[in-house]
Amino acid sequence: MAAPPVDADYVKEIEKARRDLRALIYTKNCAPLMLRLAWHDAGTYDARTKTGGPNGSIRNEQELKHNANNGLKLAVELCEDVKVKHPKITYADLYQLAGIVAVEITGGPTIEFVPGRKDSSESPEEGRLPDAKQGAKHLRDVFYRMGLTEKDIVALSGGHTLGKAHRERSGFEGPWTRTYTKFDNSYFKELLREEPSDLLKLPTDEALVDDPEFRKYVELYAENEDAFFADYAASHKKLSELGFKPRFSVQILFIKIRMLFTKILS
């Protein structure tokens, strides 16, 4: 499918959709679900074949049936309510915007968003997303395939600060933190806690502590929330733009119109 024409009208629709997403996420208390939707749409990217990535394909029934996407049909349906009001916006842009709003509305960092992603009707093969039962090598294999780094691996894992795992979706149960409706650095503090805890710790979480290259970032983020927020915002932006190169002119237009909307709403 062709990329959307990102003109002033399209950018205005993005800002209206942002407001509607904020209201939706607040009303439905679905920030973790929306963050997971954005992650799972983007996290299929393969830098070598230039396939997968944040292209809206997760809405396809075939992809929603992948085991890793259990429970995400609800997120797609909720986003459809916003899509109906703003039909110009691509699903690819909408899902990534939803993930960014989910982080921001729960107290996380502001993440730069530039529109213009094109939709795809083709779904990648199953098995590209991280497997929670695996360890450090698997994490590197998956993230390196996307073109991401060790810092990105740890920073993006910090998204587990939001929400819970559900046994019927992933085979695991429970939250990673005590404050699982708030985006903060408590995930990393809990990873380093040595005494027994009833909080969830997946094999992929344990790998972040056991691997020395990962652990240095875990320790940094547990100590310094500002450092975590800065790195998370940068890594999330990279994830949301895998395989997508925003045009500079669009970035400038988007910044100008966002400033105008902010002024009008303030």
C-alpha atoms as a PDB file:
ATOM      1  CA  MET A   1       0.000   0.000   0.000  1.00  0.00           C
ATOM      2  CA  ALA A   2       1.111   3.558  -0.676  1.00  0.00           C
ATOM      3  CA  ALA A   3       2.310   5.868   2.068  1.00  0.00           C
ATOM      4  CA  PRO A   4      -0.303   8.431   3.152  1.00  0.00           C
ATOM      5  CA  PRO A   5      -0.001  12.010   1.874  1.00  0.00           C
ATOM      6  CA  VAL A   6       1.228  13.714   5.032  1.00  0.00           C
ATOM      7  CA  ASP A   7      -0.035  17.256   4.593  1.00  0.00           C
ATOM      8  CA  ALA A   8      -1.379  19.769   7.094  1.00  0.00           C
ATOM      9  CA  ASP A   9      -4.798  18.086   7.158  1.00  0.00           C
ATOM     10  CA  TYR A  10      -3.274  14.678   7.895  1.00  0.00           C
ATOM     11  CA  VAL A  11      -1.192  16.070  10.740  1.00  0.00           C
ATOM     12  CA  LYS A  12      -4.266  17.767  12.219  1.00  0.00           C
ATOM     13  CA  GLU A  13      -6.078  14.423  12.141  1.00  0.00           C
ATOM     14  CA  ILE A  14      -3.148  12.853  13.965  1.00  0.00           C
ATOM     15  CA  GLU A  15      -3.451  15.427  16.743  1.00  0.00           C
ATOM     16  CA  LYS A  16      -7.200  14.875  17.002  1.00  0.00           C
ATOM     17  CA  ALA A  17      -6.599  11.130  17.133  1.00  0.00           C
ATOM     18  CA  ARG A  18      -4.026  11.691  19.880  1.00  0.00           C
ATOM     19  CA  ARG A  19      -6.687  13.389  22.012  1.00  0.00           C
ATOM     20  CA  ASP A  20      -9.180  10.609  21.312  1.00  0.00           C
ATOM     21  CA  LEU A  21      -6.601   7.970  22.220  1.00  0.00           C
ATOM     22  CA  ARG A  22      -5.871   9.722  25.498  1.00  0.00           C
ATOM     23  CA  ALA A  23      -9.576   9.680  26.349  1.00  0.00           C
ATOM     24  CA  LEU A  24      -9.946   6.050  25.269  1.00  0.00           C
ATOM     25  CA  ILE A  25      -6.934   4.816  27.207  1.00  0.00           C
ATOM     26  CA  TYR A  26      -7.977   6.742  30.318  1.00  0.00           C
ATOM     27  CA  THR A  27     -11.593   5.553  30.148  1.00  0.00           C
ATOM     28  CA  LYS A  28     -10.820   1.915  29.366  1.00  0.00           C
ATOM     29  CA  ASN A  29      -7.689   1.769  31.548  1.00  0.00           C
ATOM     30  CA  CYS A  30      -5.920   0.008  28.686  1.00  0.00           C
ATOM     31  CA  ALA A  31      -2.466   1.633  28.553  1.00  0.00           C
ATOM     32  CA  PRO A  32      -0.553  -1.679  28.900  1.00  0.00           C
ATOM     33  CA  LEU A  33      -2.670  -3.249  26.162  1.00  0.00           C
ATOM     34  CA  MET A  34      -2.010  -0.366  23.757  1.00  0.00           C
ATOM     35  CA  LEU A  35       1.718  -0.419  24.454  1.00  0.00           C
ATOM     36  CA  ARG A  36       1.739  -4.152  23.750  1.00  0.00           C
ATOM     37  CA  LEU A  37      -0.169  -3.615  20.487  1.00  0.00           C
ATOM     38  CA  ALA A  38       2.349  -1.041  19.253  1.00  0.00           C
ATOM     39  CA  TRP A  39       5.294  -3.219  20.296  1.00  0.00           C
ATOM     40  CA  HIS A  40       3.974  -6.362  18.639  1.00  0.00           C
ATOM     41  CA  ASP A  41       3.180  -4.578  15.384  1.00  0.00           C
ATOM     42  CA  ALA A  42       6.683  -3.077  15.216  1.00  0.00           C
ATOM     43  CA  GLY A  43       8.701  -5.933  16.738  1.00  0.00           C
ATOM     44  CA  THR A  44       8.395  -8.205  13.699  1.00  0.00           C
ATOM     45  CA  TYR A  45      10.833  -6.116  11.648  1.00  0.00           C
ATOM     46  CA  ASP A  46      13.670  -7.841   9.803  1.00  0.00           C
ATOM     47  CA  ALA A  47      16.383  -5.376   8.785  1.00  0.00           C
ATOM     48  CA  ARG A  48      17.883  -7.797   6.264  1.00  0.00           C
ATOM     49  CA  THR A  49      14.719  -8.554   4.296  1.00  0.00           C
ATOM     50  CA  LYS A  50      13.041  -5.197   5.051  1.00  0.00           C
ATOM     51  CA  THR A  51       9.839  -7.006   6.027  1.00  0.00           C
ATOM     52  CA  GLY A  52       7.528  -6.728   9.017  1.00  0.00           C
ATOM     53  CA  GLY A  53       7.684  -3.760  11.339  1.00  0.00           C
ATOM     54  CA  PRO A  54       5.217  -0.995  12.237  1.00  0.00           C
ATOM     55  CA  ASN A  55       2.936  -1.343   9.234  1.00  0.00           C
ATOM     56  CA  GLY A  56      -0.443  -2.097  10.798  1.00  0.00           C
ATOM     57  CA  SER A  57      -0.404  -5.733   9.687  1.00  0.00           C
ATOM     58  CA  ILE A  58      -1.244  -6.914  13.194  1.00  0.00           C
ATOM     59  CA  ARG A  59      -4.884  -6.106  12.436  1.00  0.00           C
ATOM     60  CA  ASN A  60      -4.936  -9.029  10.003  1.00  0.00           C
ATOM     61  CA  GLU A  61      -6.757 -12.052  11.400  1.00  0.00           C
ATOM     62  CA  GLN A  62      -3.890 -14.356  10.451  1.00  0.00           C
ATOM     63  CA  GLU A  63      -1.377 -12.351  12.497  1.00  0.00           C
ATOM     64  CA  LEU A  64      -3.720 -11.884  15.445  1.00  0.00           C
ATOM     65  CA  LYS A  65      -3.846 -15.674  15.702  1.00  0.00           C
ATOM     66  CA  HIS A  66      -0.087 -15.874  16.368  1.00  0.00           C
ATOM     67  CA  ASN A  67       0.438 -17.174  19.907  1.00  0.00           C
ATOM     68  CA  ALA A  68       2.418 -14.089  20.921  1.00  0.00           C
ATOM     69  CA  ASN A  69      -0.562 -11.890  20.014  1.00  0.00           C
ATOM     70  CA  ASN A  70      -3.134 -13.587  22.240  1.00  0.00           C
ATOM     71  CA  GLY A  71      -5.444 -10.928  23.677  1.00  0.00           C
ATOM     72  CA  LEU A  72      -4.552  -8.195  21.185  1.00  0.00           C
ATOM     73  CA  LYS A  73      -7.789  -8.507  19.220  1.00  0.00           C
ATOM     74  CA  LEU A  74      -9.370  -6.314  21.906  1.00  0.00           C
ATOM     75  CA  ALA A  75      -6.723  -3.622  21.356  1.00  0.00           C
ATOM     76  CA  VAL A  76      -7.355  -3.672  17.602  1.00  0.00           C
ATOM     77  CA  GLU A  77     -11.096  -3.352  18.201  1.00  0.00           C
ATOM     78  CA  LEU A  78     -10.636  -0.426  20.594  1.00  0.00           C
ATOM     79  CA  CYS A  79      -8.406   1.370  18.099  1.00  0.00           C
ATOM     80  CA  GLU A  80     -11.050   0.853  15.430  1.00  0.00           C
ATOM     81  CA  ASP A  81     -13.297   3.283  17.323  1.00  0.00           C
ATOM     82  CA  VAL A  82     -10.647   5.968  16.788  1.00  0.00           C
ATOM     83  CA  LYS A  83      -9.951   4.899  13.212  1.00  0.00           C
ATOM     84  CA  VAL A  84     -13.629   5.352  12.285  1.00  0.00           C
ATOM     85  CA  LYS A  85     -13.458   8.964  13.456  1.00  0.00           C
ATOM     86  CA  HIS A  86     -10.174   9.593  11.620  1.00  0.00           C
ATOM     87  CA  PRO A  87     -10.270   7.405   8.487  1.00  0.00           C
ATOM     88  CA  LYS A  88      -7.398   9.271   6.794  1.00  0.00           C
ATOM     89  CA  ILE A  89      -4.896   7.956   9.327  1.00  0.00           C
ATOM     90  CA  THR A  90      -3.178   4.669   8.526  1.00  0.00           C
ATOM     91  CA  TYR A  91      -3.442   1.789  10.961  1.00  0.00           C
ATOM     92  CA  ALA A  92       0.353   1.793  11.108  1.00  0.00           C
ATOM     93  CA  ASP A  93       0.405   5.373  12.392  1.00  0.00           C
ATOM     94  CA  LEU A  94      -2.576   4.811  14.687  1.00  0.00           C
ATOM     95  CA  TYR A  95      -1.106   1.794  16.485  1.00  0.00           C
ATOM     96  CA  GLN A  96       2.261   3.470  17.060  1.00  0.00           C
ATOM     97  CA  LEU A  97       0.580   6.645  18.258  1.00  0.00           C
ATOM     98  CA  ALA A  98      -1.512   4.564  20.675  1.00  0.00           C
ATOM     99  CA  GLY A  99       1.630   3.051  22.187  1.00  0.00           C
ATOM    100  CA  ILE A 100       3.250   6.441  22.616  1.00  0.00           C
ATOM    101  CA  VAL A 101       0.149   7.931  24.230  1.00  0.00           C
ATOM    102  CA  ALA A 102      -0.041   4.915  26.562  1.00  0.00           C
ATOM    103  CA  VAL A 103       3.457   5.633  27.864  1.00  0.00           C
ATOM    104  CA  GLU A 104       2.884   9.362  28.230  1.00  0.00           C
ATOM    105  CA  ILE A 105      -0.526   9.127  29.937  1.00  0.00           C
ATOM    106  CA  THR A 106       0.880   6.833  32.642  1.00  0.00           C
ATOM    107  CA  GLY A 107       3.700   9.194  33.584  1.00  0.00           C
ATOM    108  CA  GLY A 108       6.380   8.071  31.158  1.00  0.00           C
ATOM    109  CA  PRO A 109       8.576  10.196  28.898  1.00  0.00           C
ATOM    110  CA  THR A 110       7.425  12.192  25.905  1.00  0.00           C
ATOM    111  CA  ILE A 111       8.267  10.239  22.751  1.00  0.00           C
ATOM    112  CA  GLU A 112       8.736  11.955  19.418  1.00  0.00           C
ATOM    113  CA  PHE A 113       6.212  10.807  16.823  1.00  0.00           C
ATOM    114  CA  VAL A 114       6.315  11.590  13.114  1.00  0.00           C
ATOM    115  CA  PRO A 115       3.464  10.274  10.915  1.00  0.00           C
ATOM    116  CA  GLY A 116       3.635   8.769   7.448  1.00  0.00           C
ATOM    117  CA  ARG A 117       3.813   4.986   7.903  1.00  0.00           C
ATOM    118  CA  LYS A 118       2.100   2.958   5.218  1.00  0.00           C
ATOM    119  CA  ASP A 119      -0.190   0.028   5.892  1.00  0.00           C
ATOM    120  CA  SER A 120       0.531  -3.513   4.795  1.00  0.00           C
ATOM    121  CA  SER A 121      -1.886  -6.369   4.189  1.00  0.00           C
ATOM    122  CA  GLU A 122       0.922  -8.946   4.395  1.00  0.00           C
ATOM    123  CA  SER A 123       1.738 -10.516   7.740  1.00  0.00           C
ATOM    124  CA  PRO A 124       5.186 -11.874   8.638  1.00  0.00           C
ATOM    125  CA  GLU A 125       5.640 -15.496   9.585  1.00  0.00           C
ATOM    126  CA  GLU A 126       5.038 -16.440  13.196  1.00  0.00           C
ATOM    127  CA  GLY A 127       7.994 -16.497  15.588  1.00  0.00           C
ATOM    128  CA  ARG A 128       9.637 -13.102  15.096  1.00  0.00           C
ATOM    129  CA  LEU A 129       8.681 -11.656  18.482  1.00  0.00           C
ATOM    130  CA  PRO A 130      10.713 -12.358  21.644  1.00  0.00           C
ATOM    131  CA  ASP A 131       9.980 -15.623  23.461  1.00  0.00           C
ATOM    132  CA  ALA A 132       9.687 -14.959  27.200  1.00  0.00           C
ATOM    133  CA  LYS A 133      11.008 -18.438  28.007  1.00  0.00           C
ATOM    134  CA  GLN A 134      14.392 -17.756  26.373  1.00  0.00           C
ATOM    135  CA  GLY A 135      17.614 -16.096  27.528  1.00  0.00           C
ATOM    136  CA  ALA A 136      20.208 -13.502  26.561  1.00  0.00           C
ATOM    137  CA  LYS A 137      21.256 -15.047  23.239  1.00  0.00           C
ATOM    138  CA  HIS A 138      17.662 -15.151  22.050  1.00  0.00           C
ATOM    139  CA  LEU A 139      17.135 -11.507  23.004  1.00  0.00           C
ATOM    140  CA  ARG A 140      20.206 -10.471  21.052  1.00  0.00           C
ATOM    141  CA  ASP A 141      19.160 -12.537  18.046  1.00  0.00           C
ATOM    142  CA  VAL A 142      15.699 -10.945  17.943  1.00  0.00           C
ATOM    143  CA  PHE A 143      16.744  -7.355  18.573  1.00  0.00           C
ATOM    144  CA  TYR A 144      19.811  -7.476  16.341  1.00  0.00           C
ATOM    145  CA  ARG A 145      17.554  -8.795  13.567  1.00  0.00           C
ATOM    146  CA  MET A 146      15.552  -5.591  13.949  1.00  0.00           C
ATOM    147  CA  GLY A 147      18.702  -3.485  13.869  1.00  0.00           C
ATOM    148  CA  LEU A 148      18.526  -2.558  17.559  1.00  0.00           C
ATOM    149  CA  THR A 149      21.230  -2.561  20.245  1.00  0.00           C
ATOM    150  CA  GLU A 150      21.867  -3.984  23.710  1.00  0.00           C
ATOM    151  CA  LYS A 151      20.867  -0.656  25.229  1.00  0.00           C
ATOM    152  CA  ASP A 152      17.601  -0.809  23.279  1.00  0.00           C
ATOM    153  CA  ILE A 153      16.969  -4.326  24.593  1.00  0.00           C
ATOM    154  CA  VAL A 154      17.189  -3.233  28.217  1.00  0.00           C
ATOM    155  CA  ALA A 155      15.464   0.126  27.797  1.00  0.00           C
ATOM    156  CA  LEU A 156      12.504  -1.357  25.922  1.00  0.00           C
ATOM    157  CA  SER A 157      12.232  -4.186  28.453  1.00  0.00           C
ATOM    158  CA  GLY A 158      11.437  -1.411  30.911  1.00  0.00           C
ATOM    159  CA  GLY A 159       8.003  -1.281  29.310  1.00  0.00           C
ATOM    160  CA  HIS A 160       7.183  -4.212  31.602  1.00  0.00           C
ATOM    161  CA  THR A 161       6.760  -1.604  34.308  1.00  0.00           C
ATOM    162  CA  LEU A 162       3.210  -1.311  32.929  1.00  0.00           C
ATOM    163  CA  GLY A 163       0.583  -3.987  33.236  1.00  0.00           C
ATOM    164  CA  LYS A 164       0.459  -7.676  34.061  1.00  0.00           C
ATOM    165  CA  ALA A 165       1.019 -10.965  32.311  1.00  0.00           C
ATOM    166  CA  HIS A 166      -2.090 -13.128  31.878  1.00  0.00           C
ATOM    167  CA  ARG A 167      -1.834 -16.899  31.917  1.00  0.00           C
ATOM    168  CA  GLU A 168      -4.380 -17.366  29.141  1.00  0.00           C
ATOM    169  CA  ARG A 169      -2.343 -15.091  26.860  1.00  0.00           C
ATOM    170  CA  SER A 170       1.297 -15.860  27.626  1.00  0.00           C
ATOM    171  CA  GLY A 171       1.352 -18.759  30.054  1.00  0.00           C
ATOM    172  CA  PHE A 172       2.609 -16.416  32.790  1.00  0.00           C
ATOM    173  CA  GLU A 173       0.625 -14.600  35.464  1.00  0.00           C
ATOM    174  CA  GLY A 174       1.055 -11.420  37.480  1.00  0.00           C
ATOM    175  CA  PRO A 175       2.626  -7.939  37.434  1.00  0.00           C
ATOM    176  CA  TRP A 176       6.313  -7.093  37.269  1.00  0.00           C
ATOM    177  CA  THR A 177       5.962  -4.207  39.736  1.00  0.00           C
ATOM    178  CA  ARG A 178       3.782  -3.032  42.627  1.00  0.00           C
ATOM    179  CA  THR A 179       2.851   0.114  40.702  1.00  0.00           C
ATOM    180  CA  TYR A 180       1.894  -1.514  37.409  1.00  0.00           C
ATOM    181  CA  THR A 181      -0.405   1.328  36.288  1.00  0.00           C
ATOM    182  CA  LYS A 182       2.464   3.830  36.429  1.00  0.00           C
ATOM    183  CA  PHE A 183       5.364   4.121  33.993  1.00  0.00           C
ATOM    184  CA  ASP A 184       8.517   4.477  36.090  1.00  0.00           C
ATOM    185  CA  ASN A 185      11.815   2.687  36.761  1.00  0.00           C
ATOM    186  CA  SER A 186      10.469   0.262  39.374  1.00  0.00           C
ATOM    187  CA  TYR A 187      10.842  -2.668  36.954  1.00  0.00           C
ATOM    188  CA  PHE A 188      14.624  -2.348  37.175  1.00  0.00           C
ATOM    189  CA  LYS A 189      14.597  -1.927  40.939  1.00  0.00           C
ATOM    190  CA  GLU A 190      12.612  -5.146  41.262  1.00  0.00           C
ATOM    191  CA  LEU A 191      15.013  -6.980  38.937  1.00  0.00           C
ATOM    192  CA  LEU A 192      17.888  -6.189  41.295  1.00  0.00           C
ATOM    193  CA  ARG A 193      15.994  -7.083  44.464  1.00  0.00           C
ATOM    194  CA  GLU A 194      17.573 -10.244  45.866  1.00  0.00           C
ATOM    195  CA  GLU A 195      14.991 -11.285  48.445  1.00  0.00           C
ATOM    196  CA  PRO A 196      12.126 -13.562  47.306  1.00  0.00           C
ATOM    197  CA  SER A 197       9.146 -11.776  45.777  1.00  0.00           C
ATOM    198  CA  ASP A 198       5.690 -12.656  44.498  1.00  0.00           C
ATOM    199  CA  LEU A 199       6.234 -10.374  41.494  1.00  0.00           C
ATOM    200  CA  LEU A 200       6.712 -11.825  38.031  1.00  0.00           C
ATOM    201  CA  LYS A 201      10.200 -12.386  36.685  1.00  0.00           C
ATOM    202  CA  LEU A 202      10.386 -14.036  33.263  1.00  0.00           C
ATOM    203  CA  PRO A 203      13.444 -15.899  31.975  1.00  0.00           C
ATOM    204  CA  THR A 204      14.043 -12.954  29.621  1.00  0.00           C
ATOM    205  CA  ASP A 205      13.880 -10.613  32.635  1.00  0.00           C
ATOM    206  CA  GLU A 206      16.405 -12.715  34.540  1.00  0.00           C
ATOM    207  CA  ALA A 207      18.703 -12.622  31.516  1.00  0.00           C
ATOM    208  CA  LEU A 208      18.974  -8.855  31.886  1.00  0.00           C
ATOM    209  CA  VAL A 209      20.472  -9.303  35.347  1.00  0.00           C
ATOM    210  CA  ASP A 210      22.607 -12.360  34.637  1.00  0.00           C
ATOM    211  CA  ASP A 211      24.268 -10.977  31.494  1.00  0.00           C
ATOM    212  CA  PRO A 212      26.954  -8.384  32.418  1.00  0.00           C
ATOM    213  CA  GLU A 213      26.411  -6.255  29.302  1.00  0.00           C
ATOM    214  CA  PHE A 214      22.698  -5.999  30.009  1.00  0.00           C
ATOM    215  CA  ARG A 215      23.115  -5.649  33.774  1.00  0.00           C
ATOM    216  CA  LYS A 216      25.073  -2.401  33.539  1.00  0.00           C
ATOM    217  CA  TYR A 217      22.004  -0.747  31.999  1.00  0.00           C
ATOM    218  CA  VAL A 218      19.670  -2.369  34.536  1.00  0.00           C
ATOM    219  CA  GLU A 219      21.764  -0.904  37.358  1.00  0.00           C
ATOM    220  CA  LEU A 220      21.885   2.511  35.691  1.00  0.00           C
ATOM    221  CA  TYR A 221      18.126   2.656  35.147  1.00  0.00           C
ATOM    222  CA  ALA A 222      17.344   1.409  38.662  1.00  0.00           C
ATOM    223  CA  GLU A 223      19.486   4.209  40.068  1.00  0.00           C
ATOM    224  CA  ASN A 224      18.577   6.985  37.638  1.00  0.00           C
ATOM    225  CA  GLU A 225      15.011   7.261  36.346  1.00  0.00           C
ATOM    226  CA  ASP A 226      15.892  10.268  34.184  1.00  0.00           C
ATOM    227  CA  ALA A 227      18.489   8.176  32.344  1.00  0.00           C
ATOM    228  CA  PHE A 228      15.922   5.424  31.827  1.00  0.00           C
ATOM    229  CA  PHE A 229      13.315   7.854  30.509  1.00  0.00           C
ATOM    230  CA  ALA A 230      15.784   9.433  28.080  1.00  0.00           C
ATOM    231  CA  ASP A 231      16.994   6.082  26.745  1.00  0.00           C
ATOM    232  CA  TYR A 232      13.509   4.603  26.665  1.00  0.00           C
ATOM    233  CA  ALA A 233      12.150   7.523  24.630  1.00  0.00           C
ATOM    234  CA  ALA A 234      14.989   7.151  22.115  1.00  0.00           C
ATOM    235  CA  SER A 235      14.612   3.360  21.880  1.00  0.00           C
ATOM    236  CA  HIS A 236      10.831   3.490  21.584  1.00  0.00           C
ATOM    237  CA  LYS A 237      11.138   6.022  18.763  1.00  0.00           C
ATOM    238  CA  LYS A 238      13.562   3.685  16.963  1.00  0.00           C
ATOM    239  CA  LEU A 239      11.184   0.764  17.424  1.00  0.00           C
ATOM    240  CA  SER A 240       8.239   2.776  16.106  1.00  0.00           C
ATOM    241  CA  GLU A 241      10.185   3.785  12.987  1.00  0.00           C
ATOM    242  CA  LEU A 242      11.736   0.456  11.976  1.00  0.00           C
ATOM    243  CA  GLY A 243      11.706   0.340   8.189  1.00  0.00           C
ATOM    244  CA  PHE A 244      10.183   3.829   8.073  1.00  0.00           C
ATOM    245  CA  LYS A 245      12.166   6.927   7.165  1.00  0.00           C
ATOM    246  CA  PRO A 246      10.225  10.124   7.970  1.00  0.00           C
ATOM    247  CA  ARG A 247      10.761  12.903   5.460  1.00  0.00           C
ATOM    248  CA  PHE A 248      12.454  15.954   6.968  1.00  0.00           C
ATOM    249  CA  SER A 249       9.759  18.257   5.559  1.00  0.00           C
ATOM    250  CA  VAL A 250       7.092  16.183   7.310  1.00  0.00           C
ATOM    251  CA  GLN A 251       8.960  16.420  10.614  1.00  0.00           C
ATOM    252  CA  ILE A 252       9.077  20.215  10.353  1.00  0.00           C
ATOM    253  CA  LEU A 253       5.385  20.416   9.396  1.00  0.00           C
ATOM    254  CA  PHE A 254       4.422  18.115  12.251  1.00  0.00           C
ATOM    255  CA  ILE A 255       6.356  20.162  14.809  1.00  0.00           C
ATOM    256  CA  LYS A 256       4.745  23.414  13.657  1.00  0.00           C
ATOM    257  CA  ILE A 257       1.196  22.066  13.746  1.00  0.00           C
ATOM    258  CA  ARG A 258       1.743  20.367  17.114  1.00  0.00           C
ATOM    259  CA  MET A 259       2.904  23.679  18.538  1.00  0.00           C
ATOM    260  CA  LEU A 260      -0.221  25.332  17.134  1.00  0.00           C
ATOM    261  CA  PHE A 261      -2.511  22.670  18.614  1.00  0.00           C
ATOM    262  CA  THR A 262      -0.778  22.922  21.982  1.00  0.00           C
ATOM    263  CA  LYS A 263      -1.262  26.695  21.983  1.00  0.00           C
ATOM    264  CA  ILE A 264      -4.951  26.386  21.091  1.00  0.00           C
ATOM    265  CA  LEU A 265      -5.605  23.768  23.783  1.00  0.00           C
ATOM    266  CA  SER A 266      -3.629  25.539  26.528  1.00  0.00           C
END
